[in-house]
Amino acid sequence: MDKLEQIFEMQQKLNNYIIKNHSLQEQYTPDVWIQKNILALISELSEVLDEVNFKWWKSKRPIDSNALKEELVDVFHFLVSMCLNAGMTAEDLYNIYLKKNEENIKRQDGHSEKKDYRP
């Protein structure tokens, strides 16, 4: 099992644990779970913003690298949960990422079928 597969498996176990311990069985459909995860992800992204001094009206403080990394992992938790709710596997995510990354490079080089991506 590779690391991404392990992450997906661990996240599924955590999701199941939360569902069981909060009596959420059959309470939400996969699309509602995705909506809830989007809201949680937005909240976590706000915490990432707080870690990188986005408030220009406040005095800057040194970035706490460990806190920033933890917030990014929190974002990843909810992203993986959404993938699971959408029926994606770690392999699906990996393969779709490879294809999308290739397309994004083509776009930046002006080789995309989409006309809005000219260098």
C-alpha atoms as a PDB file:
ATOM      1  CA  MET A   1       0.000   0.000   0.000  1.00  0.00           C
ATOM      2  CA  ASP A   2       1.429   3.379  -0.918  1.00  0.00           C
ATOM      3  CA  LYS A   3       1.242   6.474   1.269  1.00  0.00           C
ATOM      4  CA  LEU A   4      -1.727   8.042  -0.500  1.00  0.00           C
ATOM      5  CA  GLU A   5      -3.709   4.804  -0.255  1.00  0.00           C
ATOM      6  CA  GLN A   6      -2.827   4.663   3.427  1.00  0.00           C
ATOM      7  CA  ILE A   7      -4.066   8.230   3.911  1.00  0.00           C
ATOM      8  CA  PHE A   8      -7.359   7.392   2.193  1.00  0.00           C
ATOM      9  CA  GLU A   9      -7.794   4.302   4.356  1.00  0.00           C
ATOM     10  CA  MET A  10      -6.997   6.223   7.552  1.00  0.00           C
ATOM     11  CA  GLN A  11      -9.387   9.019   6.592  1.00  0.00           C
ATOM     12  CA  GLN A  12     -12.185   6.524   5.903  1.00  0.00           C
ATOM     13  CA  LYS A  13     -11.624   4.981   9.343  1.00  0.00           C
ATOM     14  CA  LEU A  14     -11.701   8.430  10.958  1.00  0.00           C
ATOM     15  CA  ASN A  15     -14.869   9.350   9.057  1.00  0.00           C
ATOM     16  CA  ASN A  16     -16.529   6.102  10.131  1.00  0.00           C
ATOM     17  CA  TYR A  17     -15.465   6.674  13.738  1.00  0.00           C
ATOM     18  CA  ILE A  18     -16.927  10.197  13.734  1.00  0.00           C
ATOM     19  CA  ILE A  19     -20.165   9.025  12.102  1.00  0.00           C
ATOM     20  CA  LYS A  20     -20.583   6.256  14.661  1.00  0.00           C
ATOM     21  CA  ASN A  21     -19.667   8.310  17.726  1.00  0.00           C
ATOM     22  CA  HIS A  22     -21.872  11.232  16.740  1.00  0.00           C
ATOM     23  CA  SER A  23     -24.788   9.019  15.650  1.00  0.00           C
ATOM     24  CA  LEU A  24     -24.699  10.328  12.090  1.00  0.00           C
ATOM     25  CA  GLN A  25     -25.454   7.020  10.355  1.00  0.00           C
ATOM     26  CA  GLU A  26     -27.691   7.564   7.356  1.00  0.00           C
ATOM     27  CA  GLN A  27     -28.211  11.185   8.366  1.00  0.00           C
ATOM     28  CA  TYR A  28     -26.500  12.694   5.316  1.00  0.00           C
ATOM     29  CA  THR A  29     -26.255  11.723   1.662  1.00  0.00           C
ATOM     30  CA  PRO A  30     -22.826  11.824  -0.045  1.00  0.00           C
ATOM     31  CA  ASP A  31     -23.623  15.186  -1.655  1.00  0.00           C
ATOM     32  CA  VAL A  32     -24.541  16.707   1.717  1.00  0.00           C
ATOM     33  CA  TRP A  33     -21.316  15.297   3.201  1.00  0.00           C
ATOM     34  CA  ILE A  34     -19.394  17.006   0.389  1.00  0.00           C
ATOM     35  CA  GLN A  35     -21.185  20.291   1.158  1.00  0.00           C
ATOM     36  CA  LYS A  36     -20.306  19.950   4.849  1.00  0.00           C
ATOM     37  CA  ASN A  37     -16.712  19.144   3.995  1.00  0.00           C
ATOM     38  CA  ILE A  38     -16.506  22.203   1.741  1.00  0.00           C
ATOM     39  CA  LEU A  39     -17.626  24.396   4.635  1.00  0.00           C
ATOM     40  CA  ALA A  40     -15.068  22.745   6.930  1.00  0.00           C
ATOM     41  CA  LEU A  41     -12.382  23.152   4.268  1.00  0.00           C
ATOM     42  CA  ILE A  42     -13.180  26.866   3.932  1.00  0.00           C
ATOM     43  CA  SER A  43     -12.875  27.203   7.699  1.00  0.00           C
ATOM     44  CA  GLU A  44      -9.500  25.450   7.637  1.00  0.00           C
ATOM     45  CA  LEU A  45      -8.317  27.619   4.737  1.00  0.00           C
ATOM     46  CA  SER A  46      -9.163  30.657   6.875  1.00  0.00           C
ATOM     47  CA  GLU A  47      -6.896  29.218   9.542  1.00  0.00           C
ATOM     48  CA  VAL A  48      -4.139  28.854   6.935  1.00  0.00           C
ATOM     49  CA  LEU A  49      -4.640  32.515   6.056  1.00  0.00           C
ATOM     50  CA  ASP A  50      -4.302  33.482   9.701  1.00  0.00           C
ATOM     51  CA  GLU A  51      -0.973  31.655   9.858  1.00  0.00           C
ATOM     52  CA  VAL A  52       0.494  33.595   6.918  1.00  0.00           C
ATOM     53  CA  ASN A  53      -0.259  37.133   8.123  1.00  0.00           C
ATOM     54  CA  PHE A  54      -2.855  38.051   5.517  1.00  0.00           C
ATOM     55  CA  LYS A  55      -4.225  40.839   7.747  1.00  0.00           C
ATOM     56  CA  TRP A  56      -2.220  43.774   6.439  1.00  0.00           C
ATOM     57  CA  TRP A  57      -3.677  46.033   9.122  1.00  0.00           C
ATOM     58  CA  LYS A  58      -2.036  44.036  11.914  1.00  0.00           C
ATOM     59  CA  SER A  59       1.577  43.872  12.967  1.00  0.00           C
ATOM     60  CA  LYS A  60       3.364  41.031  11.228  1.00  0.00           C
ATOM     61  CA  ARG A  61       4.600  38.152  13.306  1.00  0.00           C
ATOM     62  CA  PRO A  62       6.963  35.376  12.344  1.00  0.00           C
ATOM     63  CA  ILE A  63       5.223  32.535  10.536  1.00  0.00           C
ATOM     64  CA  ASP A  64       4.962  29.445  12.703  1.00  0.00           C
ATOM     65  CA  SER A  65       5.984  26.809  10.168  1.00  0.00           C
ATOM     66  CA  ASN A  66       4.664  23.914  12.260  1.00  0.00           C
ATOM     67  CA  ALA A  67       1.259  25.557  12.787  1.00  0.00           C
ATOM     68  CA  LEU A  68       1.049  26.332   9.064  1.00  0.00           C
ATOM     69  CA  LYS A  69       1.811  22.714   8.164  1.00  0.00           C
ATOM     70  CA  GLU A  70      -0.816  21.459  10.620  1.00  0.00           C
ATOM     71  CA  GLU A  71      -3.451  23.726   9.095  1.00  0.00           C
ATOM     72  CA  LEU A  72      -2.539  22.486   5.612  1.00  0.00           C
ATOM     73  CA  VAL A  73      -2.948  18.909   6.820  1.00  0.00           C
ATOM     74  CA  ASP A  74      -6.378  19.864   8.209  1.00  0.00           C
ATOM     75  CA  VAL A  75      -7.286  21.141   4.727  1.00  0.00           C
ATOM     76  CA  PHE A  76      -6.058  17.849   3.266  1.00  0.00           C
ATOM     77  CA  HIS A  77      -8.206  15.844   5.713  1.00  0.00           C
ATOM     78  CA  PHE A  78     -11.357  17.468   4.353  1.00  0.00           C
ATOM     79  CA  LEU A  79     -10.196  17.202   0.742  1.00  0.00           C
ATOM     80  CA  VAL A  80      -9.644  13.457   1.161  1.00  0.00           C
ATOM     81  CA  SER A  81     -13.046  13.153   2.854  1.00  0.00           C
ATOM     82  CA  MET A  82     -14.660  14.813  -0.156  1.00  0.00           C
ATOM     83  CA  CYS A  83     -12.844  12.433  -2.487  1.00  0.00           C
ATOM     84  CA  LEU A  84     -14.146   9.486  -0.471  1.00  0.00           C
ATOM     85  CA  ASN A  85     -17.688  10.884  -0.517  1.00  0.00           C
ATOM     86  CA  ALA A  86     -17.416  11.288  -4.285  1.00  0.00           C
ATOM     87  CA  GLY A  87     -16.416   7.632  -4.612  1.00  0.00           C
ATOM     88  CA  MET A  88     -12.792   8.362  -5.493  1.00  0.00           C
ATOM     89  CA  THR A  89      -9.937   6.118  -4.531  1.00  0.00           C
ATOM     90  CA  ALA A  90      -6.347   7.179  -3.942  1.00  0.00           C
ATOM     91  CA  GLU A  91      -5.527   5.751  -7.360  1.00  0.00           C
ATOM     92  CA  ASP A  92      -8.350   7.761  -8.963  1.00  0.00           C
ATOM     93  CA  LEU A  93      -7.049  10.951  -7.367  1.00  0.00           C
ATOM     94  CA  TYR A  94      -3.515  10.204  -8.505  1.00  0.00           C
ATOM     95  CA  ASN A  95      -4.482   9.379 -12.102  1.00  0.00           C
ATOM     96  CA  ILE A  96      -6.837  12.339 -12.483  1.00  0.00           C
ATOM     97  CA  TYR A  97      -4.166  14.601 -10.980  1.00  0.00           C
ATOM     98  CA  LEU A  98      -1.596  13.378 -13.525  1.00  0.00           C
ATOM     99  CA  LYS A  99      -3.974  14.054 -16.410  1.00  0.00           C
ATOM    100  CA  LYS A 100      -4.973  17.478 -15.098  1.00  0.00           C
ATOM    101  CA  ASN A 101      -1.347  18.436 -14.400  1.00  0.00           C
ATOM    102  CA  GLU A 102      -0.419  17.542 -17.972  1.00  0.00           C
ATOM    103  CA  GLU A 103      -3.291  19.686 -19.276  1.00  0.00           C
ATOM    104  CA  ASN A 104      -2.273  22.599 -17.029  1.00  0.00           C
ATOM    105  CA  ILE A 105       1.270  22.480 -18.419  1.00  0.00           C
ATOM    106  CA  LYS A 106      -0.138  22.469 -21.975  1.00  0.00           C
ATOM    107  CA  ARG A 107      -2.268  25.476 -21.063  1.00  0.00           C
ATOM    108  CA  GLN A 108       0.734  27.393 -19.760  1.00  0.00           C
ATOM    109  CA  ASP A 109       2.686  26.545 -22.915  1.00  0.00           C
ATOM    110  CA  GLY A 110      -0.190  27.629 -25.173  1.00  0.00           C
ATOM    111  CA  HIS A 111      -0.859  24.092 -26.413  1.00  0.00           C
ATOM    112  CA  SER A 112      -4.302  23.669 -24.893  1.00  0.00           C
ATOM    113  CA  GLU A 113      -7.493  23.315 -26.859  1.00  0.00           C
ATOM    114  CA  LYS A 114      -8.873  26.108 -24.677  1.00  0.00           C
ATOM    115  CA  LYS A 115      -8.216  29.481 -26.301  1.00  0.00           C
ATOM    116  CA  ASP A 116      -8.034  31.430 -23.033  1.00  0.00           C
ATOM    117  CA  TYR A 117      -4.644  29.882 -22.242  1.00  0.00           C
ATOM    118  CA  ARG A 118      -2.204  31.543 -24.580  1.00  0.00           C
ATOM    119  CA  PRO A 119       1.320  32.426 -23.380  1.00  0.00           C
END
